[in-house]
Amino acid sequence: MTDDDAATASAASSITKQYVFGDFSQAWAFMSKSALLAEKMDHHPEWFNVYNMVNVKLTTHDCQGVSQKDIEMAKAMDEYSASILQTRK
């Protein structure tokens, strides 16, 4: 997520992204790592997984929109995705 993406996200009600991996194992690794962060942050994404694809929606219900936690989680998830795709080719 770039700074421009963060600015756009702050004006939106959610951050959504589709991650596509090489296989189910990569998708599961991404979800597992993201889940550990979600627990640590006490901030849980809405997501949907089919085989190698994970659709993610981040929103903060308390503020009815995007919070700093959503932006931080989105950045971390982008890093996790890039790391998994790079190391498991």
C-alpha atoms as a PDB file:
ATOM      1  CA  MET A   1       0.000   0.000   0.000  1.00  0.00           C
ATOM      2  CA  THR A   2       1.502   3.329  -1.066  1.00  0.00           C
ATOM      3  CA  ASP A   3       0.926   6.685   0.636  1.00  0.00           C
ATOM      4  CA  ASP A   4      -1.536   7.554  -2.158  1.00  0.00           C
ATOM      5  CA  ASP A   5      -3.395   4.298  -1.461  1.00  0.00           C
ATOM      6  CA  ALA A   6      -3.535   5.209   2.232  1.00  0.00           C
ATOM      7  CA  ALA A   7      -4.993   8.621   1.430  1.00  0.00           C
ATOM      8  CA  THR A   8      -7.631   7.037  -0.789  1.00  0.00           C
ATOM      9  CA  ALA A   9      -8.391   4.420   1.852  1.00  0.00           C
ATOM     10  CA  SER A  10      -8.951   7.016   4.549  1.00  0.00           C
ATOM     11  CA  ALA A  11     -11.744   8.527   2.445  1.00  0.00           C
ATOM     12  CA  ALA A  12     -13.321   5.113   1.807  1.00  0.00           C
ATOM     13  CA  SER A  13     -15.396   2.861   4.030  1.00  0.00           C
ATOM     14  CA  SER A  14     -13.038  -0.111   3.572  1.00  0.00           C
ATOM     15  CA  ILE A  15      -9.837  -1.362   1.997  1.00  0.00           C
ATOM     16  CA  THR A  16     -10.347  -4.338  -0.307  1.00  0.00           C
ATOM     17  CA  LYS A  17      -7.800  -6.385  -2.192  1.00  0.00           C
ATOM     18  CA  GLN A  18      -7.536  -9.720  -3.939  1.00  0.00           C
ATOM     19  CA  TYR A  19      -4.320 -11.677  -3.422  1.00  0.00           C
ATOM     20  CA  VAL A  20      -3.505 -14.478  -5.880  1.00  0.00           C
ATOM     21  CA  PHE A  21      -0.859 -17.043  -5.004  1.00  0.00           C
ATOM     22  CA  GLY A  22       0.703 -19.970  -6.802  1.00  0.00           C
ATOM     23  CA  ASP A  23      -1.296 -22.572  -4.907  1.00  0.00           C
ATOM     24  CA  PHE A  24      -3.414 -23.245  -1.836  1.00  0.00           C
ATOM     25  CA  SER A  25      -0.365 -23.732   0.392  1.00  0.00           C
ATOM     26  CA  GLN A  26       0.856 -20.219  -0.342  1.00  0.00           C
ATOM     27  CA  ALA A  27      -2.609 -18.755   0.253  1.00  0.00           C
ATOM     28  CA  TRP A  28      -2.850 -20.617   3.561  1.00  0.00           C
ATOM     29  CA  ALA A  29       0.617 -19.408   4.632  1.00  0.00           C
ATOM     30  CA  PHE A  30      -0.468 -15.832   3.895  1.00  0.00           C
ATOM     31  CA  MET A  31      -3.681 -16.241   5.872  1.00  0.00           C
ATOM     32  CA  SER A  32      -1.854 -17.858   8.804  1.00  0.00           C
ATOM     33  CA  LYS A  33       0.703 -15.075   9.046  1.00  0.00           C
ATOM     34  CA  SER A  34      -2.025 -12.430   8.665  1.00  0.00           C
ATOM     35  CA  ALA A  35      -4.136 -14.135  11.351  1.00  0.00           C
ATOM     36  CA  LEU A  36      -1.274 -13.951  13.854  1.00  0.00           C
ATOM     37  CA  LEU A  37      -0.950 -10.215  13.202  1.00  0.00           C
ATOM     38  CA  ALA A  38      -4.728  -9.771  13.491  1.00  0.00           C
ATOM     39  CA  GLU A  39      -4.689 -11.402  16.929  1.00  0.00           C
ATOM     40  CA  LYS A  40      -1.746  -9.272  18.032  1.00  0.00           C
ATOM     41  CA  MET A  41      -3.471  -6.079  16.831  1.00  0.00           C
ATOM     42  CA  ASP A  42      -6.921  -7.225  18.015  1.00  0.00           C
ATOM     43  CA  HIS A  43      -8.138  -6.220  14.562  1.00  0.00           C
ATOM     44  CA  HIS A  44      -9.605  -8.926  12.349  1.00  0.00           C
ATOM     45  CA  PRO A  45     -10.120  -8.842   8.571  1.00  0.00           C
ATOM     46  CA  GLU A  46     -13.094 -10.088   6.655  1.00  0.00           C
ATOM     47  CA  TRP A  47     -11.773 -12.522   4.100  1.00  0.00           C
ATOM     48  CA  PHE A  48     -12.720 -15.240   1.664  1.00  0.00           C
ATOM     49  CA  ASN A  49     -10.454 -17.979   0.334  1.00  0.00           C
ATOM     50  CA  VAL A  50     -10.804 -20.298  -2.650  1.00  0.00           C
ATOM     51  CA  TYR A  51      -7.758 -22.386  -3.547  1.00  0.00           C
ATOM     52  CA  ASN A  52      -4.994 -19.861  -4.393  1.00  0.00           C
ATOM     53  CA  MET A  53      -7.055 -16.674  -4.015  1.00  0.00           C
ATOM     54  CA  VAL A  54      -7.725 -14.627  -0.880  1.00  0.00           C
ATOM     55  CA  ASN A  55     -10.124 -11.655  -0.969  1.00  0.00           C
ATOM     56  CA  VAL A  56      -9.620  -9.281   1.962  1.00  0.00           C
ATOM     57  CA  LYS A  57     -11.785  -6.475   3.305  1.00  0.00           C
ATOM     58  CA  LEU A  58     -10.473  -4.237   6.082  1.00  0.00           C
ATOM     59  CA  THR A  59     -12.751  -1.831   7.900  1.00  0.00           C
ATOM     60  CA  THR A  60     -13.214  -0.517  11.417  1.00  0.00           C
ATOM     61  CA  HIS A  61     -16.791  -0.765  12.560  1.00  0.00           C
ATOM     62  CA  ASP A  62     -16.283   1.628  15.502  1.00  0.00           C
ATOM     63  CA  CYS A  63     -15.517   4.517  13.150  1.00  0.00           C
ATOM     64  CA  GLN A  64     -17.630   3.182  10.264  1.00  0.00           C
ATOM     65  CA  GLY A  65     -14.702   3.425   7.908  1.00  0.00           C
ATOM     66  CA  VAL A  66     -10.969   2.984   7.567  1.00  0.00           C
ATOM     67  CA  SER A  67      -8.753   3.481  10.598  1.00  0.00           C
ATOM     68  CA  GLN A  68      -4.979   3.550  11.051  1.00  0.00           C
ATOM     69  CA  LYS A  69      -5.187  -0.128  12.088  1.00  0.00           C
ATOM     70  CA  ASP A  70      -6.668  -0.992   8.677  1.00  0.00           C
ATOM     71  CA  ILE A  71      -3.885   0.866   6.890  1.00  0.00           C
ATOM     72  CA  GLU A  72      -1.191  -0.808   9.013  1.00  0.00           C
ATOM     73  CA  MET A  73      -2.702  -4.239   8.446  1.00  0.00           C
ATOM     74  CA  ALA A  74      -3.028  -3.652   4.685  1.00  0.00           C
ATOM     75  CA  LYS A  75       0.641  -2.666   4.458  1.00  0.00           C
ATOM     76  CA  ALA A  76       1.700  -5.738   6.434  1.00  0.00           C
ATOM     77  CA  MET A  77      -0.474  -8.028   4.290  1.00  0.00           C
ATOM     78  CA  ASP A  78       1.093  -6.612   1.123  1.00  0.00           C
ATOM     79  CA  GLU A  79       4.546  -7.328   2.593  1.00  0.00           C
ATOM     80  CA  TYR A  80       3.514 -10.867   3.584  1.00  0.00           C
ATOM     81  CA  SER A  81       2.141 -11.530   0.107  1.00  0.00           C
ATOM     82  CA  ALA A  82       5.271 -10.269  -1.613  1.00  0.00           C
ATOM     83  CA  SER A  83       7.479 -12.314   0.705  1.00  0.00           C
ATOM     84  CA  ILE A  84       5.527 -15.532   0.128  1.00  0.00           C
ATOM     85  CA  LEU A  85       5.437 -15.089  -3.634  1.00  0.00           C
ATOM     86  CA  GLN A  86       9.161 -14.312  -3.746  1.00  0.00           C
ATOM     87  CA  THR A  87      10.357 -17.211  -1.586  1.00  0.00           C
ATOM     88  CA  ARG A  88       8.068 -19.953  -2.876  1.00  0.00           C
ATOM     89  CA  LYS A  89       8.387 -19.775  -6.644  1.00  0.00           C
END
